[in-house]
Amino acid sequence: MNRNGVVKRTLNNILYNSNGWATLGYVAFVGLFGLEMAISSMHIQAILALAPWQLILLGLGAYRGARALSYNGVFAWLREPFCQVVPDSSGAGDGVEPKYERGLMGAIGACLSCPICTGTHVGSFMLTLIALWPNLGITVMYGLAIAGIAEFIHWAAEMLEWRGREARENAGTQWLAKNRKALSGIRHPNRRITRQRALELADAASDASLDDDVRTLNHRRLTRVVGDVEHI
């Protein structure tokens, strides 16, 4: 029992508590990079044969592989023992950070949650593959680079989509502000008007220069704003 307790405390110290073991973990991480570079240097001709534009693909591949390791769900199973998902400090979305502050688990978590660290190893690993098995290494490089380019295209499309939505929302807000007086006149002292009649009157008061998409958005916003047309 006493021996088991000693073993358990020792393991806990190594894995979770010791700053010394955390330092050794970082040293091992750097040492692995050095080993990959040493292996690659033994077959340097295959790497020197790469064209300059292929180095760009190598960088894109390292970028995509790093984000997959550090952020994407496909490698969540690998990060789970070492990292945790927490709300981002900006308040928008989530981020990945080490689950432990010290010990080997803390060092591994810090390296896995750092895309620069993982990108360094993805790049050196691809160089090692190219040096030892050029066909395989170049294929992996192309595959990851294509995925990286696709991610940039997705980001650009998403950015333009959100900007378009924001512009439509702003147009709708400006239209409502401009026509609030006209809308406030949709009353009858003795009876309720129908929602359809309110929308018809609102449409009649709309700016004729607005295109169909903005007009459609205005109708949607009016439907929410009108709600119970008695309160307009």
C-alpha atoms as a PDB file:
ATOM      1  CA  MET A   1       0.000   0.000   0.000  1.00  0.00           C
ATOM      2  CA  ASN A   2       2.798   2.360   0.974  1.00  0.00           C
ATOM      3  CA  ARG A   3       4.705   1.490  -2.186  1.00  0.00           C
ATOM      4  CA  ASN A   4       1.607   2.120  -4.315  1.00  0.00           C
ATOM      5  CA  GLY A   5       1.184   5.486  -2.639  1.00  0.00           C
ATOM      6  CA  VAL A   6       4.764   6.453  -3.387  1.00  0.00           C
ATOM      7  CA  VAL A   7       4.403   5.404  -7.032  1.00  0.00           C
ATOM      8  CA  LYS A   8       1.171   7.353  -7.384  1.00  0.00           C
ATOM      9  CA  ARG A   9       2.670  10.515  -5.862  1.00  0.00           C
ATOM     10  CA  THR A  10       5.719  10.206  -8.098  1.00  0.00           C
ATOM     11  CA  LEU A  11       3.604   9.846 -11.216  1.00  0.00           C
ATOM     12  CA  ASN A  12       1.421  12.778 -10.209  1.00  0.00           C
ATOM     13  CA  ASN A  13       4.512  14.882  -9.671  1.00  0.00           C
ATOM     14  CA  ILE A  14       5.962  13.941 -13.067  1.00  0.00           C
ATOM     15  CA  LEU A  15       2.722  14.355 -15.001  1.00  0.00           C
ATOM     16  CA  TYR A  16       1.016  17.290 -13.311  1.00  0.00           C
ATOM     17  CA  ASN A  17       3.109  19.159 -10.738  1.00  0.00           C
ATOM     18  CA  SER A  18       6.810  19.311 -11.573  1.00  0.00           C
ATOM     19  CA  ASN A  19       8.183  22.328 -13.421  1.00  0.00           C
ATOM     20  CA  GLY A  20      11.354  20.351 -14.027  1.00  0.00           C
ATOM     21  CA  TRP A  21       9.508  17.626 -15.892  1.00  0.00           C
ATOM     22  CA  ALA A  22       7.610  20.286 -17.838  1.00  0.00           C
ATOM     23  CA  THR A  23      10.960  21.706 -18.944  1.00  0.00           C
ATOM     24  CA  LEU A  24      12.081  18.244 -20.008  1.00  0.00           C
ATOM     25  CA  GLY A  25       8.894  17.963 -22.048  1.00  0.00           C
ATOM     26  CA  TYR A  26       9.724  21.179 -23.910  1.00  0.00           C
ATOM     27  CA  VAL A  27      13.298  19.999 -24.433  1.00  0.00           C
ATOM     28  CA  ALA A  28      11.987  16.733 -25.902  1.00  0.00           C
ATOM     29  CA  PHE A  29       9.681  18.725 -28.207  1.00  0.00           C
ATOM     30  CA  VAL A  30      12.637  20.754 -29.512  1.00  0.00           C
ATOM     31  CA  GLY A  31      14.770  17.603 -29.668  1.00  0.00           C
ATOM     32  CA  LEU A  32      12.212  15.903 -31.905  1.00  0.00           C
ATOM     33  CA  PHE A  33      12.445  18.851 -34.301  1.00  0.00           C
ATOM     34  CA  GLY A  34      16.237  18.527 -34.285  1.00  0.00           C
ATOM     35  CA  LEU A  35      15.995  14.790 -34.998  1.00  0.00           C
ATOM     36  CA  GLU A  36      13.698  15.421 -37.965  1.00  0.00           C
ATOM     37  CA  MET A  37      16.082  18.028 -39.330  1.00  0.00           C
ATOM     38  CA  ALA A  38      19.066  15.694 -38.897  1.00  0.00           C
ATOM     39  CA  ILE A  39      17.297  12.900 -40.778  1.00  0.00           C
ATOM     40  CA  SER A  40      16.290  15.322 -43.547  1.00  0.00           C
ATOM     41  CA  SER A  41      19.850  16.605 -43.910  1.00  0.00           C
ATOM     42  CA  MET A  42      21.054  13.082 -44.710  1.00  0.00           C
ATOM     43  CA  HIS A  43      18.965  13.181 -47.896  1.00  0.00           C
ATOM     44  CA  ILE A  44      19.164  16.887 -48.637  1.00  0.00           C
ATOM     45  CA  GLN A  45      19.129  16.527 -52.436  1.00  0.00           C
ATOM     46  CA  ALA A  46      15.441  15.634 -52.471  1.00  0.00           C
ATOM     47  CA  ILE A  47      14.651  18.805 -50.526  1.00  0.00           C
ATOM     48  CA  LEU A  48      16.916  21.014 -52.645  1.00  0.00           C
ATOM     49  CA  ALA A  49      15.124  19.714 -55.728  1.00  0.00           C
ATOM     50  CA  LEU A  50      11.922  21.481 -54.599  1.00  0.00           C
ATOM     51  CA  ALA A  51      10.991  24.486 -56.729  1.00  0.00           C
ATOM     52  CA  PRO A  52      10.562  27.857 -54.964  1.00  0.00           C
ATOM     53  CA  TRP A  53       6.783  27.773 -55.486  1.00  0.00           C
ATOM     54  CA  GLN A  54       6.682  24.363 -53.807  1.00  0.00           C
ATOM     55  CA  LEU A  55       8.109  25.965 -50.664  1.00  0.00           C
ATOM     56  CA  ILE A  56       4.978  28.112 -50.590  1.00  0.00           C
ATOM     57  CA  LEU A  57       2.897  24.936 -50.735  1.00  0.00           C
ATOM     58  CA  LEU A  58       5.021  23.518 -47.932  1.00  0.00           C
ATOM     59  CA  GLY A  59       4.168  26.543 -45.801  1.00  0.00           C
ATOM     60  CA  LEU A  60       0.468  26.238 -46.618  1.00  0.00           C
ATOM     61  CA  GLY A  61       0.577  22.554 -45.747  1.00  0.00           C
ATOM     62  CA  ALA A  62       2.267  23.266 -42.405  1.00  0.00           C
ATOM     63  CA  TYR A  63      -0.343  25.940 -41.667  1.00  0.00           C
ATOM     64  CA  ARG A  64      -3.278  23.625 -42.427  1.00  0.00           C
ATOM     65  CA  GLY A  65      -1.796  20.711 -40.511  1.00  0.00           C
ATOM     66  CA  ALA A  66      -1.110  22.947 -37.512  1.00  0.00           C
ATOM     67  CA  ARG A  67      -4.693  24.195 -37.346  1.00  0.00           C
ATOM     68  CA  ALA A  68      -5.987  20.639 -37.641  1.00  0.00           C
ATOM     69  CA  LEU A  69      -3.817  19.514 -34.719  1.00  0.00           C
ATOM     70  CA  SER A  70      -4.432  22.544 -32.513  1.00  0.00           C
ATOM     71  CA  TYR A  71      -8.042  23.481 -33.241  1.00  0.00           C
ATOM     72  CA  ASN A  72     -10.068  21.205 -35.491  1.00  0.00           C
ATOM     73  CA  GLY A  73     -12.396  18.510 -34.207  1.00  0.00           C
ATOM     74  CA  VAL A  74     -10.714  15.775 -36.233  1.00  0.00           C
ATOM     75  CA  PHE A  75      -7.871  15.739 -33.673  1.00  0.00           C
ATOM     76  CA  ALA A  76      -9.975  16.480 -30.591  1.00  0.00           C
ATOM     77  CA  TRP A  77      -9.313  12.922 -29.404  1.00  0.00           C
ATOM     78  CA  LEU A  78      -5.565  13.634 -29.416  1.00  0.00           C
ATOM     79  CA  ARG A  79      -5.871  16.953 -27.571  1.00  0.00           C
ATOM     80  CA  GLU A  80      -8.479  15.833 -25.036  1.00  0.00           C
ATOM     81  CA  PRO A  81      -6.080  14.380 -22.386  1.00  0.00           C
ATOM     82  CA  PHE A  82      -3.874  17.481 -22.503  1.00  0.00           C
ATOM     83  CA  CYS A  83      -6.049  20.444 -23.544  1.00  0.00           C
ATOM     84  CA  GLN A  84      -9.425  21.971 -22.785  1.00  0.00           C
ATOM     85  CA  VAL A  85     -11.857  24.144 -24.735  1.00  0.00           C
ATOM     86  CA  VAL A  86     -12.639  27.452 -23.005  1.00  0.00           C
ATOM     87  CA  PRO A  87     -14.488  30.653 -24.003  1.00  0.00           C
ATOM     88  CA  ASP A  88     -12.161  32.923 -25.952  1.00  0.00           C
ATOM     89  CA  SER A  89     -10.913  36.006 -24.103  1.00  0.00           C
ATOM     90  CA  SER A  90     -12.436  38.188 -26.847  1.00  0.00           C
ATOM     91  CA  GLY A  91     -15.890  36.925 -25.919  1.00  0.00           C
ATOM     92  CA  ALA A  92     -16.459  35.500 -29.410  1.00  0.00           C
ATOM     93  CA  GLY A  93     -16.272  31.731 -29.818  1.00  0.00           C
ATOM     94  CA  ASP A  94     -14.033  29.260 -27.999  1.00  0.00           C
ATOM     95  CA  GLY A  95     -10.300  28.668 -27.698  1.00  0.00           C
ATOM     96  CA  VAL A  96      -8.004  25.770 -26.822  1.00  0.00           C
ATOM     97  CA  GLU A  97      -5.597  25.977 -23.889  1.00  0.00           C
ATOM     98  CA  PRO A  98      -3.555  23.518 -21.784  1.00  0.00           C
ATOM     99  CA  LYS A  99      -5.546  21.567 -19.223  1.00  0.00           C
ATOM    100  CA  TYR A 100      -2.622  21.565 -16.756  1.00  0.00           C
ATOM    101  CA  GLU A 101      -0.080  24.260 -15.897  1.00  0.00           C
ATOM    102  CA  ARG A 102       2.885  22.060 -14.945  1.00  0.00           C
ATOM    103  CA  GLY A 103       4.347  18.614 -15.485  1.00  0.00           C
ATOM    104  CA  LEU A 104       4.673  16.637 -18.682  1.00  0.00           C
ATOM    105  CA  MET A 105       0.911  16.906 -19.305  1.00  0.00           C
ATOM    106  CA  GLY A 106       1.147  20.695 -19.083  1.00  0.00           C
ATOM    107  CA  ALA A 107       4.086  20.825 -21.505  1.00  0.00           C
ATOM    108  CA  ILE A 108       2.355  18.577 -24.051  1.00  0.00           C
ATOM    109  CA  GLY A 109      -0.873  20.568 -23.714  1.00  0.00           C
ATOM    110  CA  ALA A 110       0.956  23.854 -24.234  1.00  0.00           C
ATOM    111  CA  CYS A 111       2.641  22.533 -27.385  1.00  0.00           C
ATOM    112  CA  LEU A 112      -0.536  21.002 -28.829  1.00  0.00           C
ATOM    113  CA  SER A 113      -2.598  24.148 -28.238  1.00  0.00           C
ATOM    114  CA  CYS A 114       0.015  26.322 -29.966  1.00  0.00           C
ATOM    115  CA  PRO A 115      -0.444  26.312 -33.783  1.00  0.00           C
ATOM    116  CA  ILE A 116       3.040  27.765 -34.271  1.00  0.00           C
ATOM    117  CA  CYS A 117       4.539  24.832 -32.350  1.00  0.00           C
ATOM    118  CA  THR A 118       2.488  22.198 -34.148  1.00  0.00           C
ATOM    119  CA  GLY A 119       3.091  23.942 -37.495  1.00  0.00           C
ATOM    120  CA  THR A 120       6.831  23.724 -36.934  1.00  0.00           C
ATOM    121  CA  HIS A 121       6.597  19.979 -36.480  1.00  0.00           C
ATOM    122  CA  VAL A 122       4.170  19.456 -39.359  1.00  0.00           C
ATOM    123  CA  GLY A 123       6.605  21.304 -41.630  1.00  0.00           C
ATOM    124  CA  SER A 124       9.651  19.381 -40.393  1.00  0.00           C
ATOM    125  CA  PHE A 125       7.734  16.109 -40.660  1.00  0.00           C
ATOM    126  CA  MET A 126       6.875  16.846 -44.285  1.00  0.00           C
ATOM    127  CA  LEU A 127      10.513  17.660 -45.002  1.00  0.00           C
ATOM    128  CA  THR A 128      11.511  14.337 -43.455  1.00  0.00           C
ATOM    129  CA  LEU A 129       8.979  12.498 -45.609  1.00  0.00           C
ATOM    130  CA  ILE A 130      10.217  14.293 -48.731  1.00  0.00           C
ATOM    131  CA  ALA A 131      13.809  13.435 -47.836  1.00  0.00           C
ATOM    132  CA  LEU A 132      13.128   9.735 -47.187  1.00  0.00           C
ATOM    133  CA  TRP A 133      10.194   9.031 -49.516  1.00  0.00           C
ATOM    134  CA  PRO A 134       9.899  11.917 -51.983  1.00  0.00           C
ATOM    135  CA  ASN A 135       6.728  10.736 -53.707  1.00  0.00           C
ATOM    136  CA  LEU A 136       4.865  10.260 -50.432  1.00  0.00           C
ATOM    137  CA  GLY A 137       6.160  13.480 -48.914  1.00  0.00           C
ATOM    138  CA  ILE A 138       5.247  15.620 -51.926  1.00  0.00           C
ATOM    139  CA  THR A 139       1.786  14.024 -52.074  1.00  0.00           C
ATOM    140  CA  VAL A 140       1.186  14.848 -48.397  1.00  0.00           C
ATOM    141  CA  MET A 141       2.453  18.388 -49.018  1.00  0.00           C
ATOM    142  CA  TYR A 142       0.092  18.906 -51.948  1.00  0.00           C
ATOM    143  CA  GLY A 143      -2.857  17.466 -50.027  1.00  0.00           C
ATOM    144  CA  LEU A 144      -2.371  19.713 -46.994  1.00  0.00           C
ATOM    145  CA  ALA A 145      -1.631  22.748 -49.182  1.00  0.00           C
ATOM    146  CA  ILE A 146      -4.872  22.265 -51.118  1.00  0.00           C
ATOM    147  CA  ALA A 147      -6.748  22.031 -47.827  1.00  0.00           C
ATOM    148  CA  GLY A 148      -5.044  25.245 -46.688  1.00  0.00           C
ATOM    149  CA  ILE A 149      -6.042  27.087 -49.866  1.00  0.00           C
ATOM    150  CA  ALA A 150      -9.614  25.816 -49.475  1.00  0.00           C
ATOM    151  CA  GLU A 151      -9.677  27.179 -45.917  1.00  0.00           C
ATOM    152  CA  PHE A 152      -8.596  30.637 -47.103  1.00  0.00           C
ATOM    153  CA  ILE A 153     -11.318  30.574 -49.788  1.00  0.00           C
ATOM    154  CA  HIS A 154     -13.874  29.571 -47.160  1.00  0.00           C
ATOM    155  CA  TRP A 155     -12.764  32.417 -44.886  1.00  0.00           C
ATOM    156  CA  ALA A 156     -12.990  34.945 -47.714  1.00  0.00           C
ATOM    157  CA  ALA A 157     -16.460  33.728 -48.745  1.00  0.00           C
ATOM    158  CA  GLU A 158     -17.681  33.800 -45.145  1.00  0.00           C
ATOM    159  CA  MET A 159     -16.291  37.311 -44.624  1.00  0.00           C
ATOM    160  CA  LEU A 160     -18.051  38.595 -47.751  1.00  0.00           C
ATOM    161  CA  GLU A 161     -21.275  36.859 -46.731  1.00  0.00           C
ATOM    162  CA  TRP A 162     -21.258  38.458 -43.273  1.00  0.00           C
ATOM    163  CA  ARG A 163     -20.441  41.862 -44.733  1.00  0.00           C
ATOM    164  CA  GLY A 164     -23.368  41.471 -47.123  1.00  0.00           C
ATOM    165  CA  ARG A 165     -25.675  40.565 -44.255  1.00  0.00           C
ATOM    166  CA  GLU A 166     -24.435  43.523 -42.234  1.00  0.00           C
ATOM    167  CA  ALA A 167     -25.042  45.878 -45.171  1.00  0.00           C
ATOM    168  CA  ARG A 168     -28.603  44.567 -45.576  1.00  0.00           C
ATOM    169  CA  GLU A 169     -29.287  44.919 -41.869  1.00  0.00           C
ATOM    170  CA  ASN A 170     -27.983  48.495 -41.968  1.00  0.00           C
ATOM    171  CA  ALA A 171     -30.128  49.258 -45.000  1.00  0.00           C
ATOM    172  CA  GLY A 172     -33.193  47.878 -43.224  1.00  0.00           C
ATOM    173  CA  THR A 173     -32.439  49.860 -40.067  1.00  0.00           C
ATOM    174  CA  GLN A 174     -31.999  53.076 -42.051  1.00  0.00           C
ATOM    175  CA  TRP A 175     -35.234  52.420 -43.935  1.00  0.00           C
ATOM    176  CA  LEU A 176     -37.177  51.909 -40.712  1.00  0.00           C
ATOM    177  CA  ALA A 177     -35.748  55.104 -39.238  1.00  0.00           C
ATOM    178  CA  LYS A 178     -36.614  57.027 -42.395  1.00  0.00           C
ATOM    179  CA  ASN A 179     -40.202  55.744 -42.588  1.00  0.00           C
ATOM    180  CA  ARG A 180     -41.077  55.565 -38.886  1.00  0.00           C
ATOM    181  CA  LYS A 181     -43.428  58.531 -39.156  1.00  0.00           C
ATOM    182  CA  ALA A 182     -45.297  56.938 -42.052  1.00  0.00           C
ATOM    183  CA  LEU A 183     -45.588  53.696 -40.126  1.00  0.00           C
ATOM    184  CA  SER A 184     -46.818  55.492 -37.014  1.00  0.00           C
ATOM    185  CA  GLY A 185     -49.855  56.639 -38.996  1.00  0.00           C
ATOM    186  CA  ILE A 186     -51.113  53.076 -39.503  1.00  0.00           C
ATOM    187  CA  ARG A 187     -53.938  53.372 -36.963  1.00  0.00           C
ATOM    188  CA  HIS A 188     -57.685  53.404 -36.978  1.00  0.00           C
ATOM    189  CA  PRO A 189     -59.637  54.748 -33.990  1.00  0.00           C
ATOM    190  CA  ASN A 190     -62.411  52.173 -34.166  1.00  0.00           C
ATOM    191  CA  ARG A 191     -60.947  48.942 -35.543  1.00  0.00           C
ATOM    192  CA  ARG A 192     -57.778  46.931 -35.908  1.00  0.00           C
ATOM    193  CA  ILE A 193     -56.135  46.934 -39.285  1.00  0.00           C
ATOM    194  CA  THR A 194     -54.827  43.670 -40.711  1.00  0.00           C
ATOM    195  CA  ARG A 195     -51.131  42.871 -40.883  1.00  0.00           C
ATOM    196  CA  GLN A 196     -51.408  42.574 -44.666  1.00  0.00           C
ATOM    197  CA  ARG A 197     -52.788  46.123 -44.864  1.00  0.00           C
ATOM    198  CA  ALA A 198     -49.980  47.392 -42.639  1.00  0.00           C
ATOM    199  CA  LEU A 199     -47.387  45.783 -44.899  1.00  0.00           C
ATOM    200  CA  GLU A 200     -49.083  47.212 -47.978  1.00  0.00           C
ATOM    201  CA  LEU A 201     -48.970  50.708 -46.495  1.00  0.00           C
ATOM    202  CA  ALA A 202     -45.367  50.226 -45.403  1.00  0.00           C
ATOM    203  CA  ASP A 203     -44.463  49.042 -48.912  1.00  0.00           C
ATOM    204  CA  ALA A 204     -46.135  52.097 -50.398  1.00  0.00           C
ATOM    205  CA  ALA A 205     -44.028  54.313 -48.142  1.00  0.00           C
ATOM    206  CA  SER A 206     -40.760  52.552 -49.046  1.00  0.00           C
ATOM    207  CA  ASP A 207     -37.979  54.124 -51.031  1.00  0.00           C
ATOM    208  CA  ALA A 208     -38.390  53.161 -54.689  1.00  0.00           C
ATOM    209  CA  SER A 209     -34.601  53.189 -55.158  1.00  0.00           C
ATOM    210  CA  LEU A 210     -34.148  50.132 -52.938  1.00  0.00           C
ATOM    211  CA  ASP A 211     -33.601  46.881 -54.802  1.00  0.00           C
ATOM    212  CA  ASP A 212     -35.732  43.751 -54.427  1.00  0.00           C
ATOM    213  CA  ASP A 213     -33.433  42.035 -51.935  1.00  0.00           C
ATOM    214  CA  VAL A 214     -33.446  45.020 -49.592  1.00  0.00           C
ATOM    215  CA  ARG A 215     -37.215  45.349 -49.983  1.00  0.00           C
ATOM    216  CA  THR A 216     -37.566  41.687 -49.007  1.00  0.00           C
ATOM    217  CA  LEU A 217     -35.407  42.288 -45.947  1.00  0.00           C
ATOM    218  CA  ASN A 218     -37.529  45.292 -45.039  1.00  0.00           C
ATOM    219  CA  HIS A 219     -40.646  43.161 -45.179  1.00  0.00           C
ATOM    220  CA  ARG A 220     -39.045  40.638 -42.833  1.00  0.00           C
ATOM    221  CA  ARG A 221     -38.004  43.337 -40.414  1.00  0.00           C
ATOM    222  CA  LEU A 222     -41.447  44.934 -40.618  1.00  0.00           C
ATOM    223  CA  THR A 223     -43.092  41.619 -39.837  1.00  0.00           C
ATOM    224  CA  ARG A 224     -41.078  41.474 -36.605  1.00  0.00           C
ATOM    225  CA  VAL A 225     -41.559  45.158 -35.831  1.00  0.00           C
ATOM    226  CA  VAL A 226     -45.276  45.206 -36.644  1.00  0.00           C
ATOM    227  CA  GLY A 227     -46.052  42.051 -34.620  1.00  0.00           C
ATOM    228  CA  ASP A 228     -49.360  43.094 -33.166  1.00  0.00           C
ATOM    229  CA  VAL A 229     -50.267  45.943 -35.476  1.00  0.00           C
ATOM    230  CA  GLU A 230     -52.406  47.565 -32.798  1.00  0.00           C
ATOM    231  CA  HIS A 231     -49.203  48.806 -31.133  1.00  0.00           C
ATOM    232  CA  ILE A 232     -47.686  50.462 -34.200  1.00  0.00           C
END
